[in-house]
Amino acid sequence: MAKKSVWSDNRFWQRTAAWITGFASVLLIWLTFDTNAQIAMGNDSDLKNGVTKRVPGPTVINYKITYEMDKKRQHEVPVIGEKEKFFGRDDYSEEEATELLHLGKLGSQSKNCMNCHTLLGNGAYYAPDLTKAWLDPAWGPTGSMQAMTGKSTKEEAMAEFLQNPSQYPTHARMMPNLGITAEEAKGLVAFLK
C-alpha cells in the first residue's frame, strides 16, 4: 500500500484546525485586554500633568484643542493646549464635564446624527463630517457661521445653529430642525469638541 500524503490526512487537518483555533482565541483575548487599556478614558490629573491618551478625560472641554502636524506620525494629531473658556467657563469639574459629554453623546444618538453625518469614519456621507467640526474655521471669530448667528464665541454659534438650523442656510442640503434644546445643544457641542 502506498504511503498516504500528510496533506490528505484528516488527522493533520484536524490538529492544524485545533492549533489555529487555539492560537486565534488566545490572540483575541490578548487584543481585547490591550484594546481596553488603549481606549480607556483619561482623567483630569492626566490633562493637568500633560499625559496624553487616545481618549482624554472629560475635562478636556476646559482646554484649547488644535490639530498640529506630527513629524513622527506624518499626519495631523490633536493637541491639547492651555485653558480655554467653554460657554463662559474653564472650570468644569470631572463630573460636570462627564455629564455634559454623556448628554451630547446621547443627543447625537437619539437625533440620529450619523444618518446624515460622519463621525470618526462612521455614518453617512450626505452631510459634513463632524470629526473635526470644532476646528472648522467657519465657526471661528472670522468665520461665516459665527457672524451669521450673531454669537460671540464658537461654541455659542454652534449651539445656536443646532437649535435653529433652518434659520442659517449653509448648503443646498439643509439640516432639518430636530427640536434640539439649549441644554442638548450645549452637550452636543461639548461632544464634538
N, C-alpha and C. Protein backbone atom coordinates (compact mmCIF):
# COMPACT_ATOMS: atom_id res chain seq x y z
N MET A 1 0.84 -1.18 0.00
CA MET A 1 0.00 0.00 0.00
C MET A 1 0.88 1.25 0.00
N ALA A 2 0.49 2.23 -0.80
CA ALA A 2 1.27 3.47 -0.93
C ALA A 2 1.10 4.31 0.33
N LYS A 3 2.18 4.98 0.66
CA LYS A 3 2.14 5.85 1.84
C LYS A 3 1.25 7.06 1.55
N LYS A 4 0.35 7.36 2.49
CA LYS A 4 -0.57 8.49 2.34
C LYS A 4 0.19 9.80 2.56
N SER A 5 -0.13 10.80 1.76
CA SER A 5 0.47 12.12 1.92
C SER A 5 -0.09 12.79 3.17
N VAL A 6 0.77 13.56 3.84
CA VAL A 6 0.33 14.30 5.02
C VAL A 6 -0.78 15.29 4.67
N TRP A 7 -0.79 15.78 3.45
CA TRP A 7 -1.77 16.77 3.02
C TRP A 7 -3.17 16.17 2.86
N SER A 8 -3.25 14.89 2.70
CA SER A 8 -4.57 14.27 2.55
C SER A 8 -5.01 13.55 3.83
N ASP A 9 -4.24 13.68 4.89
CA ASP A 9 -4.56 13.02 6.15
C ASP A 9 -5.51 13.90 6.97
N ASN A 10 -6.67 13.35 7.31
CA ASN A 10 -7.67 14.10 8.08
C ASN A 10 -7.16 14.50 9.46
N ARG A 11 -6.38 13.62 10.10
CA ARG A 11 -5.86 13.94 11.42
C ARG A 11 -4.97 15.18 11.39
N PHE A 12 -4.17 15.32 10.33
CA PHE A 12 -3.31 16.50 10.18
C PHE A 12 -4.16 17.77 10.16
N TRP A 13 -5.23 17.77 9.38
CA TRP A 13 -6.07 18.96 9.25
C TRP A 13 -6.86 19.23 10.53
N GLN A 14 -7.28 18.19 11.22
CA GLN A 14 -7.98 18.38 12.49
C GLN A 14 -7.06 19.01 13.53
N ARG A 15 -5.85 18.49 13.63
CA ARG A 15 -4.88 19.06 14.57
C ARG A 15 -4.51 20.49 14.20
N THR A 16 -4.32 20.72 12.91
CA THR A 16 -3.99 22.08 12.45
C THR A 16 -5.11 23.05 12.80
N ALA A 17 -6.35 22.63 12.55
CA ALA A 17 -7.51 23.49 12.86
C ALA A 17 -7.59 23.76 14.36
N ALA A 18 -7.32 22.74 15.17
CA ALA A 18 -7.36 22.92 16.63
C ALA A 18 -6.28 23.90 17.08
N TRP A 19 -5.07 23.77 16.57
CA TRP A 19 -3.98 24.68 16.95
C TRP A 19 -4.27 26.11 16.49
N ILE A 20 -4.75 26.27 15.28
CA ILE A 20 -5.04 27.62 14.77
C ILE A 20 -6.17 28.25 15.57
N THR A 21 -7.21 27.48 15.88
CA THR A 21 -8.32 28.00 16.67
C THR A 21 -7.85 28.41 18.06
N GLY A 22 -7.03 27.58 18.67
CA GLY A 22 -6.49 27.90 20.00
C GLY A 22 -5.64 29.16 19.97
N PHE A 23 -4.75 29.25 18.99
CA PHE A 23 -3.89 30.44 18.86
C PHE A 23 -4.73 31.69 18.62
N ALA A 24 -5.71 31.60 17.72
CA ALA A 24 -6.56 32.76 17.41
C ALA A 24 -7.35 33.19 18.65
N SER A 25 -7.81 32.22 19.44
CA SER A 25 -8.57 32.56 20.66
C SER A 25 -7.69 33.31 21.66
N VAL A 26 -6.48 32.81 21.86
CA VAL A 26 -5.55 33.48 22.79
C VAL A 26 -5.23 34.89 22.28
N LEU A 27 -5.00 35.02 20.98
CA LEU A 27 -4.70 36.32 20.38
C LEU A 27 -5.87 37.29 20.57
N LEU A 28 -7.09 36.83 20.34
CA LEU A 28 -8.25 37.71 20.50
C LEU A 28 -8.44 38.13 21.96
N ILE A 29 -8.20 37.23 22.88
CA ILE A 29 -8.31 37.58 24.30
C ILE A 29 -7.27 38.64 24.64
N TRP A 30 -6.03 38.44 24.19
CA TRP A 30 -4.97 39.42 24.45
C TRP A 30 -5.32 40.77 23.82
N LEU A 31 -5.80 40.76 22.57
CA LEU A 31 -6.15 42.02 21.90
C LEU A 31 -7.29 42.74 22.62
N THR A 32 -8.22 41.98 23.17
CA THR A 32 -9.33 42.60 23.91
C THR A 32 -8.81 43.38 25.11
N PHE A 33 -7.94 42.76 25.90
CA PHE A 33 -7.39 43.45 27.07
C PHE A 33 -6.50 44.61 26.66
N ASP A 34 -5.72 44.44 25.61
CA ASP A 34 -4.85 45.51 25.13
C ASP A 34 -5.68 46.69 24.63
N THR A 35 -6.75 46.40 23.89
CA THR A 35 -7.60 47.46 23.36
C THR A 35 -8.30 48.21 24.48
N ASN A 36 -8.79 47.49 25.47
CA ASN A 36 -9.45 48.16 26.60
C ASN A 36 -8.51 49.15 27.27
N ALA A 37 -7.25 48.78 27.42
CA ALA A 37 -6.27 49.69 28.02
C ALA A 37 -6.02 50.89 27.11
N GLN A 38 -6.00 50.66 25.80
CA GLN A 38 -5.72 51.73 24.85
C GLN A 38 -6.84 52.77 24.78
N ILE A 39 -8.09 52.31 24.92
CA ILE A 39 -9.22 53.23 24.75
C ILE A 39 -9.83 53.68 26.07
N ALA A 40 -9.20 53.35 27.18
CA ALA A 40 -9.69 53.80 28.48
C ALA A 40 -9.61 55.32 28.56
N MET A 41 -10.67 55.94 29.06
CA MET A 41 -10.70 57.39 29.16
C MET A 41 -9.74 57.87 30.23
N GLY A 42 -9.07 58.96 29.93
CA GLY A 42 -8.17 59.58 30.89
C GLY A 42 -8.95 60.30 31.97
N ASN A 43 -8.24 61.08 32.76
CA ASN A 43 -8.91 61.84 33.82
C ASN A 43 -8.30 63.24 33.90
N ASP A 44 -8.80 64.03 34.82
CA ASP A 44 -8.38 65.42 34.95
C ASP A 44 -6.90 65.54 35.28
N SER A 45 -6.40 64.66 36.14
CA SER A 45 -4.98 64.76 36.51
C SER A 45 -4.07 64.46 35.31
N ASP A 46 -4.51 63.57 34.40
CA ASP A 46 -3.74 63.32 33.18
C ASP A 46 -3.59 64.62 32.38
N LEU A 47 -4.70 65.33 32.23
CA LEU A 47 -4.67 66.58 31.46
C LEU A 47 -3.78 67.62 32.12
N LYS A 48 -3.88 67.74 33.44
CA LYS A 48 -3.08 68.73 34.16
C LYS A 48 -1.59 68.41 34.11
N ASN A 49 -1.26 67.11 34.06
CA ASN A 49 0.14 66.69 34.05
C ASN A 49 0.70 66.46 32.65
N GLY A 50 -0.10 66.76 31.63
CA GLY A 50 0.38 66.63 30.25
C GLY A 50 0.46 65.20 29.75
N VAL A 51 -0.21 64.26 30.44
CA VAL A 51 -0.23 62.87 29.98
C VAL A 51 -1.23 62.76 28.85
N THR A 52 -0.77 62.30 27.70
CA THR A 52 -1.67 62.19 26.55
C THR A 52 -2.17 60.76 26.42
N LYS A 53 -3.46 60.64 26.19
CA LYS A 53 -4.10 59.35 25.97
C LYS A 53 -4.93 59.46 24.70
N ARG A 54 -5.27 58.31 24.14
CA ARG A 54 -6.10 58.33 22.94
C ARG A 54 -7.45 58.97 23.22
N VAL A 55 -7.99 58.69 24.39
CA VAL A 55 -9.26 59.29 24.81
C VAL A 55 -8.97 60.12 26.06
N PRO A 56 -8.90 61.44 25.90
CA PRO A 56 -8.59 62.29 27.06
C PRO A 56 -9.74 62.30 28.06
N GLY A 57 -9.48 62.83 29.23
CA GLY A 57 -10.50 62.94 30.25
C GLY A 57 -11.59 63.91 29.82
N PRO A 58 -12.76 63.83 30.44
CA PRO A 58 -13.87 64.69 30.04
C PRO A 58 -13.60 66.17 30.23
N THR A 59 -12.71 66.53 31.16
CA THR A 59 -12.44 67.95 31.39
C THR A 59 -11.61 68.56 30.26
N VAL A 60 -11.39 67.82 29.20
CA VAL A 60 -10.70 68.36 28.03
C VAL A 60 -11.50 69.54 27.46
N ILE A 61 -12.79 69.61 27.79
CA ILE A 61 -13.58 70.74 27.30
C ILE A 61 -13.12 72.06 27.90
N ASN A 62 -12.32 72.01 28.97
CA ASN A 62 -11.76 73.22 29.58
C ASN A 62 -10.51 73.71 28.87
N TYR A 63 -10.05 73.01 27.85
CA TYR A 63 -8.78 73.32 27.20
C TYR A 63 -8.95 73.62 25.72
N LYS A 64 -8.00 74.35 25.18
CA LYS A 64 -7.97 74.63 23.75
C LYS A 64 -7.49 73.37 23.02
N ILE A 65 -8.16 73.02 21.94
CA ILE A 65 -7.79 71.84 21.16
C ILE A 65 -7.47 72.29 19.74
N THR A 66 -6.32 71.87 19.26
CA THR A 66 -5.91 72.16 17.88
C THR A 66 -5.40 70.88 17.24
N TYR A 67 -5.23 70.92 15.94
CA TYR A 67 -4.58 69.82 15.22
C TYR A 67 -3.26 70.35 14.70
N GLU A 68 -2.20 69.62 14.97
CA GLU A 68 -0.88 70.02 14.52
C GLU A 68 -0.18 68.83 13.88
N MET A 69 0.73 69.14 12.96
CA MET A 69 1.46 68.09 12.25
C MET A 69 2.42 67.38 13.19
N ASP A 70 2.35 66.07 13.22
CA ASP A 70 3.27 65.24 13.99
C ASP A 70 4.26 64.64 13.00
N LYS A 71 5.51 65.06 13.10
CA LYS A 71 6.51 64.60 12.12
C LYS A 71 6.74 63.10 12.21
N LYS A 72 6.65 62.55 13.40
CA LYS A 72 6.87 61.11 13.57
C LYS A 72 5.76 60.30 12.90
N ARG A 73 4.52 60.74 13.09
CA ARG A 73 3.38 60.02 12.52
C ARG A 73 3.08 60.43 11.08
N GLN A 74 3.59 61.56 10.67
CA GLN A 74 3.39 62.09 9.32
C GLN A 74 1.93 62.46 9.02
N HIS A 75 1.21 62.88 10.04
CA HIS A 75 -0.12 63.44 9.83
C HIS A 75 -0.51 64.28 11.04
N GLU A 76 -1.62 65.00 10.90
CA GLU A 76 -2.04 65.87 11.98
C GLU A 76 -2.64 65.07 13.14
N VAL A 77 -2.34 65.53 14.34
CA VAL A 77 -2.87 64.89 15.55
C VAL A 77 -3.45 65.97 16.45
N PRO A 78 -4.45 65.62 17.26
CA PRO A 78 -5.00 66.61 18.19
C PRO A 78 -3.99 66.97 19.27
N VAL A 79 -3.94 68.25 19.59
CA VAL A 79 -3.04 68.74 20.63
C VAL A 79 -3.88 69.51 21.64
N ILE A 80 -3.73 69.16 22.89
CA ILE A 80 -4.47 69.83 23.97
C ILE A 80 -3.58 70.94 24.50
N GLY A 81 -4.09 72.18 24.42
CA GLY A 81 -3.30 73.34 24.80
C GLY A 81 -3.67 73.89 26.17
N GLU A 82 -3.58 75.21 26.27
CA GLU A 82 -3.85 75.88 27.54
C GLU A 82 -5.36 75.94 27.80
N LYS A 83 -5.70 76.41 28.99
CA LYS A 83 -7.11 76.54 29.36
C LYS A 83 -7.82 77.46 28.38
N GLU A 84 -9.08 77.14 28.10
CA GLU A 84 -9.90 77.95 27.20
C GLU A 84 -11.35 77.88 27.69
N LYS A 85 -12.00 79.01 27.71
CA LYS A 85 -13.38 79.04 28.19
C LYS A 85 -14.29 78.29 27.22
N PHE A 86 -15.26 77.58 27.80
CA PHE A 86 -16.27 76.84 27.04
C PHE A 86 -17.61 77.23 27.64
N PHE A 87 -18.42 77.93 26.87
CA PHE A 87 -19.67 78.51 27.36
C PHE A 87 -19.41 79.35 28.62
N GLY A 88 -18.35 80.16 28.55
CA GLY A 88 -18.05 81.11 29.62
C GLY A 88 -17.32 80.54 30.82
N ARG A 89 -16.98 79.25 30.79
CA ARG A 89 -16.30 78.64 31.94
C ARG A 89 -15.09 77.84 31.49
N ASP A 90 -14.10 77.76 32.34
CA ASP A 90 -12.97 76.85 32.08
C ASP A 90 -12.67 76.03 33.33
N ASP A 91 -13.72 75.85 34.15
CA ASP A 91 -13.54 75.14 35.41
C ASP A 91 -14.55 74.01 35.60
N TYR A 92 -14.98 73.39 34.49
CA TYR A 92 -15.91 72.27 34.61
C TYR A 92 -15.24 71.15 35.41
N SER A 93 -15.93 70.64 36.41
CA SER A 93 -15.39 69.51 37.18
C SER A 93 -15.49 68.25 36.32
N GLU A 94 -14.82 67.21 36.75
CA GLU A 94 -14.86 65.95 36.00
C GLU A 94 -16.30 65.42 35.92
N GLU A 95 -17.06 65.57 36.98
CA GLU A 95 -18.44 65.09 37.00
C GLU A 95 -19.31 65.91 36.05
N GLU A 96 -19.18 67.25 36.11
CA GLU A 96 -19.97 68.12 35.22
C GLU A 96 -19.64 67.85 33.76
N ALA A 97 -18.35 67.74 33.47
CA ALA A 97 -17.92 67.50 32.09
C ALA A 97 -18.39 66.14 31.59
N THR A 98 -18.31 65.13 32.45
CA THR A 98 -18.78 63.79 32.08
C THR A 98 -20.27 63.82 31.77
N GLU A 99 -21.03 64.51 32.61
CA GLU A 99 -22.48 64.61 32.40
C GLU A 99 -22.78 65.33 31.08
N LEU A 100 -22.06 66.40 30.81
CA LEU A 100 -22.27 67.16 29.58
C LEU A 100 -21.92 66.32 28.34
N LEU A 101 -20.80 65.62 28.39
CA LEU A 101 -20.41 64.76 27.27
C LEU A 101 -21.39 63.61 27.08
N HIS A 102 -21.87 63.06 28.18
CA HIS A 102 -22.85 61.98 28.10
C HIS A 102 -24.14 62.49 27.45
N LEU A 103 -24.56 63.67 27.84
CA LEU A 103 -25.75 64.28 27.24
C LEU A 103 -25.54 64.48 25.74
N GLY A 104 -24.35 64.93 25.34
CA GLY A 104 -24.06 65.13 23.93
C GLY A 104 -24.03 63.83 23.15
N LYS A 105 -23.44 62.80 23.73
CA LYS A 105 -23.39 61.50 23.05
C LYS A 105 -24.79 60.94 22.88
N LEU A 106 -25.60 61.00 23.95
CA LEU A 106 -26.98 60.53 23.86
C LEU A 106 -27.77 61.35 22.85
N GLY A 107 -27.52 62.66 22.84
CA GLY A 107 -28.20 63.52 21.87
C GLY A 107 -27.85 63.16 20.44
N SER A 108 -26.58 62.89 20.18
CA SER A 108 -26.17 62.53 18.81
C SER A 108 -26.78 61.20 18.40
N GLN A 109 -26.98 60.30 19.36
CA GLN A 109 -27.60 59.02 19.05
C GLN A 109 -29.11 59.15 18.89
N SER A 110 -29.76 59.89 19.79
CA SER A 110 -31.21 60.00 19.74
C SER A 110 -31.70 60.83 18.56
N LYS A 111 -30.89 61.78 18.13
CA LYS A 111 -31.26 62.60 16.97
C LYS A 111 -30.77 62.00 15.66
N ASN A 112 -30.13 60.83 15.75
CA ASN A 112 -29.64 60.10 14.57
C ASN A 112 -28.73 60.94 13.69
N CYS A 113 -27.80 61.63 14.29
CA CYS A 113 -26.88 62.49 13.54
C CYS A 113 -26.13 61.72 12.46
N MET A 114 -25.78 60.46 12.77
CA MET A 114 -24.97 59.69 11.83
C MET A 114 -25.78 59.12 10.67
N ASN A 115 -27.09 59.40 10.63
CA ASN A 115 -27.85 59.06 9.44
C ASN A 115 -27.47 59.97 8.28
N CYS A 116 -26.96 61.15 8.60
CA CYS A 116 -26.54 62.10 7.57
C CYS A 116 -25.05 62.41 7.65
N HIS A 117 -24.52 62.50 8.86
CA HIS A 117 -23.13 62.91 9.09
C HIS A 117 -22.20 61.72 9.32
N THR A 118 -20.91 61.98 9.17
CA THR A 118 -19.87 61.02 9.51
C THR A 118 -19.19 61.50 10.78
N LEU A 119 -18.87 60.57 11.66
CA LEU A 119 -18.13 60.89 12.89
C LEU A 119 -17.11 59.78 13.10
N LEU A 120 -15.84 60.15 13.09
CA LEU A 120 -14.74 59.20 13.26
C LEU A 120 -14.81 58.06 12.23
N GLY A 121 -15.19 58.40 11.01
CA GLY A 121 -15.21 57.42 9.93
C GLY A 121 -16.48 56.59 9.85
N ASN A 122 -17.41 56.77 10.77
CA ASN A 122 -18.66 56.01 10.76
C ASN A 122 -19.82 56.93 10.43
N GLY A 123 -20.83 56.37 9.80
CA GLY A 123 -22.02 57.14 9.49
C GLY A 123 -22.19 57.34 8.00
N ALA A 124 -22.94 58.37 7.66
CA ALA A 124 -23.27 58.63 6.27
C ALA A 124 -22.44 59.79 5.72
N TYR A 125 -22.51 59.96 4.42
CA TYR A 125 -21.72 61.00 3.76
C TYR A 125 -22.60 62.07 3.12
N TYR A 126 -23.84 62.14 3.56
CA TYR A 126 -24.78 63.09 2.99
C TYR A 126 -24.47 64.52 3.45
N ALA A 127 -24.10 64.66 4.71
CA ALA A 127 -23.84 65.97 5.31
C ALA A 127 -22.37 66.02 5.75
N PRO A 128 -21.89 67.18 6.17
CA PRO A 128 -20.47 67.32 6.53
C PRO A 128 -20.00 66.35 7.62
N ASP A 129 -18.72 65.98 7.53
CA ASP A 129 -18.07 65.14 8.53
C ASP A 129 -17.94 65.95 9.82
N LEU A 130 -18.35 65.38 10.93
CA LEU A 130 -18.32 66.10 12.21
C LEU A 130 -17.06 65.82 13.03
N THR A 131 -16.16 64.98 12.53
CA THR A 131 -14.99 64.59 13.30
C THR A 131 -14.19 65.81 13.76
N LYS A 132 -13.97 66.76 12.87
CA LYS A 132 -13.19 67.95 13.23
C LYS A 132 -14.06 69.21 13.15
N ALA A 133 -15.35 69.06 13.41
CA ALA A 133 -16.25 70.21 13.31
C ALA A 133 -15.83 71.35 14.22
N TRP A 134 -15.31 71.01 15.40
CA TRP A 134 -14.88 72.03 16.34
C TRP A 134 -13.79 72.92 15.74
N LEU A 135 -12.98 72.37 14.87
CA LEU A 135 -11.85 73.11 14.31
C LEU A 135 -12.17 73.78 12.98
N ASP A 136 -13.39 73.65 12.51
CA ASP A 136 -13.78 74.26 11.24
C ASP A 136 -13.69 75.78 11.36
N PRO A 137 -12.91 76.44 10.50
CA PRO A 137 -12.75 77.89 10.58
C PRO A 137 -14.07 78.66 10.41
N ALA A 138 -15.06 78.05 9.81
CA ALA A 138 -16.35 78.73 9.64
C ALA A 138 -16.99 79.08 10.98
N TRP A 139 -16.64 78.33 12.03
CA TRP A 139 -17.20 78.61 13.35
C TRP A 139 -16.34 79.58 14.15
N GLY A 140 -15.17 79.91 13.66
CA GLY A 140 -14.24 80.79 14.37
C GLY A 140 -14.65 82.25 14.31
N PRO A 141 -13.86 83.12 14.93
CA PRO A 141 -14.19 84.55 15.01
C PRO A 141 -14.31 85.23 13.65
N THR A 142 -13.58 84.75 12.67
CA THR A 142 -13.65 85.36 11.34
C THR A 142 -14.49 84.54 10.38
N GLY A 143 -15.10 83.48 10.89
CA GLY A 143 -15.88 82.58 10.03
C GLY A 143 -17.29 83.07 9.80
N SER A 144 -17.90 82.53 8.77
CA SER A 144 -19.23 82.95 8.37
C SER A 144 -20.31 82.54 9.37
N MET A 145 -20.16 81.39 10.00
CA MET A 145 -21.22 80.91 10.89
C MET A 145 -21.33 81.74 12.17
N GLN A 146 -20.21 82.15 12.70
CA GLN A 146 -20.26 82.96 13.92
C GLN A 146 -20.91 84.31 13.60
N ALA A 147 -20.57 84.87 12.45
CA ALA A 147 -21.17 86.14 12.04
C ALA A 147 -22.66 85.97 11.75
N MET A 148 -23.01 84.87 11.07
CA MET A 148 -24.40 84.63 10.69
C MET A 148 -25.31 84.45 11.92
N THR A 149 -24.81 83.76 12.93
CA THR A 149 -25.63 83.52 14.13
C THR A 149 -25.61 84.70 15.09
N GLY A 150 -24.64 85.61 14.91
CA GLY A 150 -24.55 86.77 15.77
C GLY A 150 -24.01 86.46 17.16
N LYS A 151 -23.38 85.32 17.31
CA LYS A 151 -22.84 84.93 18.62
C LYS A 151 -21.37 85.31 18.71
N SER A 152 -20.89 85.48 19.94
CA SER A 152 -19.52 85.97 20.12
C SER A 152 -18.48 84.86 20.28
N THR A 153 -18.93 83.62 20.49
CA THR A 153 -17.97 82.52 20.62
C THR A 153 -18.35 81.38 19.70
N LYS A 154 -17.37 80.55 19.42
CA LYS A 154 -17.56 79.39 18.55
C LYS A 154 -18.64 78.45 19.11
N GLU A 155 -18.54 78.15 20.41
CA GLU A 155 -19.49 77.19 21.00
C GLU A 155 -20.92 77.74 21.01
N GLU A 156 -21.07 79.04 21.23
CA GLU A 156 -22.41 79.64 21.21
C GLU A 156 -22.98 79.61 19.79
N ALA A 157 -22.13 79.87 18.79
CA ALA A 157 -22.58 79.83 17.40
C ALA A 157 -23.01 78.42 17.00
N MET A 158 -22.23 77.42 17.40
CA MET A 158 -22.58 76.04 17.07
C MET A 158 -23.89 75.64 17.75
N ALA A 159 -24.06 76.01 19.01
CA ALA A 159 -25.28 75.67 19.74
C ALA A 159 -26.49 76.36 19.12
N GLU A 160 -26.34 77.62 18.74
CA GLU A 160 -27.43 78.35 18.11
C GLU A 160 -27.83 77.69 16.79
N PHE A 161 -26.85 77.32 15.99
CA PHE A 161 -27.14 76.65 14.72
C PHE A 161 -27.87 75.33 14.95
N LEU A 162 -27.42 74.55 15.91
CA LEU A 162 -28.06 73.25 16.18
C LEU A 162 -29.51 73.40 16.61
N GLN A 163 -29.81 74.49 17.33
CA GLN A 163 -31.18 74.70 17.79
C GLN A 163 -32.09 75.22 16.69
N ASN A 164 -31.54 75.98 15.76
CA ASN A 164 -32.34 76.61 14.70
C ASN A 164 -31.66 76.50 13.34
N PRO A 165 -31.42 75.29 12.83
CA PRO A 165 -30.65 75.16 11.59
C PRO A 165 -31.32 75.77 10.37
N SER A 166 -32.65 75.80 10.34
CA SER A 166 -33.34 76.34 9.16
C SER A 166 -33.18 77.85 9.03
N GLN A 167 -32.78 78.53 10.10
CA GLN A 167 -32.56 79.98 10.04
C GLN A 167 -31.21 80.34 9.43
N TYR A 168 -30.33 79.36 9.32
CA TYR A 168 -28.97 79.63 8.85
C TYR A 168 -28.63 78.73 7.67
N PRO A 169 -29.03 79.14 6.47
CA PRO A 169 -28.77 78.30 5.30
C PRO A 169 -27.27 78.17 5.04
N THR A 170 -26.83 76.95 4.82
CA THR A 170 -25.41 76.70 4.61
C THR A 170 -25.11 76.11 3.25
N HIS A 171 -25.89 75.15 2.82
CA HIS A 171 -25.66 74.46 1.56
C HIS A 171 -27.01 74.25 0.88
N ALA A 172 -26.98 73.63 -0.28
CA ALA A 172 -28.23 73.29 -0.95
C ALA A 172 -29.02 72.30 -0.09
N ARG A 173 -28.30 71.41 0.59
CA ARG A 173 -28.93 70.47 1.51
C ARG A 173 -28.90 71.08 2.91
N MET A 174 -30.05 71.33 3.46
CA MET A 174 -30.10 71.98 4.77
C MET A 174 -30.40 70.96 5.86
N MET A 175 -29.86 71.22 7.02
CA MET A 175 -30.12 70.37 8.17
C MET A 175 -31.55 70.60 8.65
N PRO A 176 -32.29 69.53 8.92
CA PRO A 176 -33.66 69.71 9.41
C PRO A 176 -33.66 70.19 10.86
N ASN A 177 -34.74 70.82 11.25
CA ASN A 177 -34.88 71.23 12.64
C ASN A 177 -35.26 70.00 13.45
N LEU A 178 -34.38 69.56 14.32
CA LEU A 178 -34.58 68.32 15.09
C LEU A 178 -35.12 68.58 16.49
N GLY A 179 -35.47 69.82 16.79
CA GLY A 179 -36.01 70.15 18.10
C GLY A 179 -34.98 70.01 19.21
N ILE A 180 -33.75 70.39 18.91
CA ILE A 180 -32.67 70.30 19.90
C ILE A 180 -32.81 71.44 20.90
N THR A 181 -32.83 71.10 22.17
CA THR A 181 -32.96 72.12 23.22
C THR A 181 -31.60 72.79 23.46
N ALA A 182 -31.62 73.88 24.23
CA ALA A 182 -30.37 74.60 24.53
C ALA A 182 -29.39 73.70 25.28
N GLU A 183 -29.89 72.92 26.24
CA GLU A 183 -29.01 72.04 27.02
C GLU A 183 -28.46 70.91 26.15
N GLU A 184 -29.31 70.35 25.27
CA GLU A 184 -28.84 69.31 24.35
C GLU A 184 -27.79 69.87 23.40
N ALA A 185 -28.01 71.09 22.92
CA ALA A 185 -27.05 71.72 22.01
C ALA A 185 -25.71 71.92 22.71
N LYS A 186 -25.74 72.34 23.96
CA LYS A 186 -24.51 72.52 24.73
C LYS A 186 -23.78 71.18 24.87
N GLY A 187 -24.53 70.12 25.15
CA GLY A 187 -23.94 68.79 25.26
C GLY A 187 -23.36 68.32 23.93
N LEU A 188 -24.08 68.56 22.84
CA LEU A 188 -23.59 68.15 21.52
C LEU A 188 -22.31 68.88 21.15
N VAL A 189 -22.25 70.16 21.46
CA VAL A 189 -21.03 70.93 21.16
C VAL A 189 -19.87 70.40 22.00
N ALA A 190 -20.12 70.08 23.26
CA ALA A 190 -19.07 69.50 24.11
C ALA A 190 -18.61 68.17 23.54
N PHE A 191 -19.54 67.36 23.08
CA PHE A 191 -19.22 66.05 22.49
C PHE A 191 -18.39 66.22 21.22
N LEU A 192 -18.71 67.22 20.41
CA LEU A 192 -17.95 67.46 19.18
C LEU A 192 -16.58 68.04 19.45
N LYS A 193 -16.44 68.78 20.55
CA LYS A 193 -15.13 69.35 20.89
C LYS A 193 -14.19 68.23 21.27
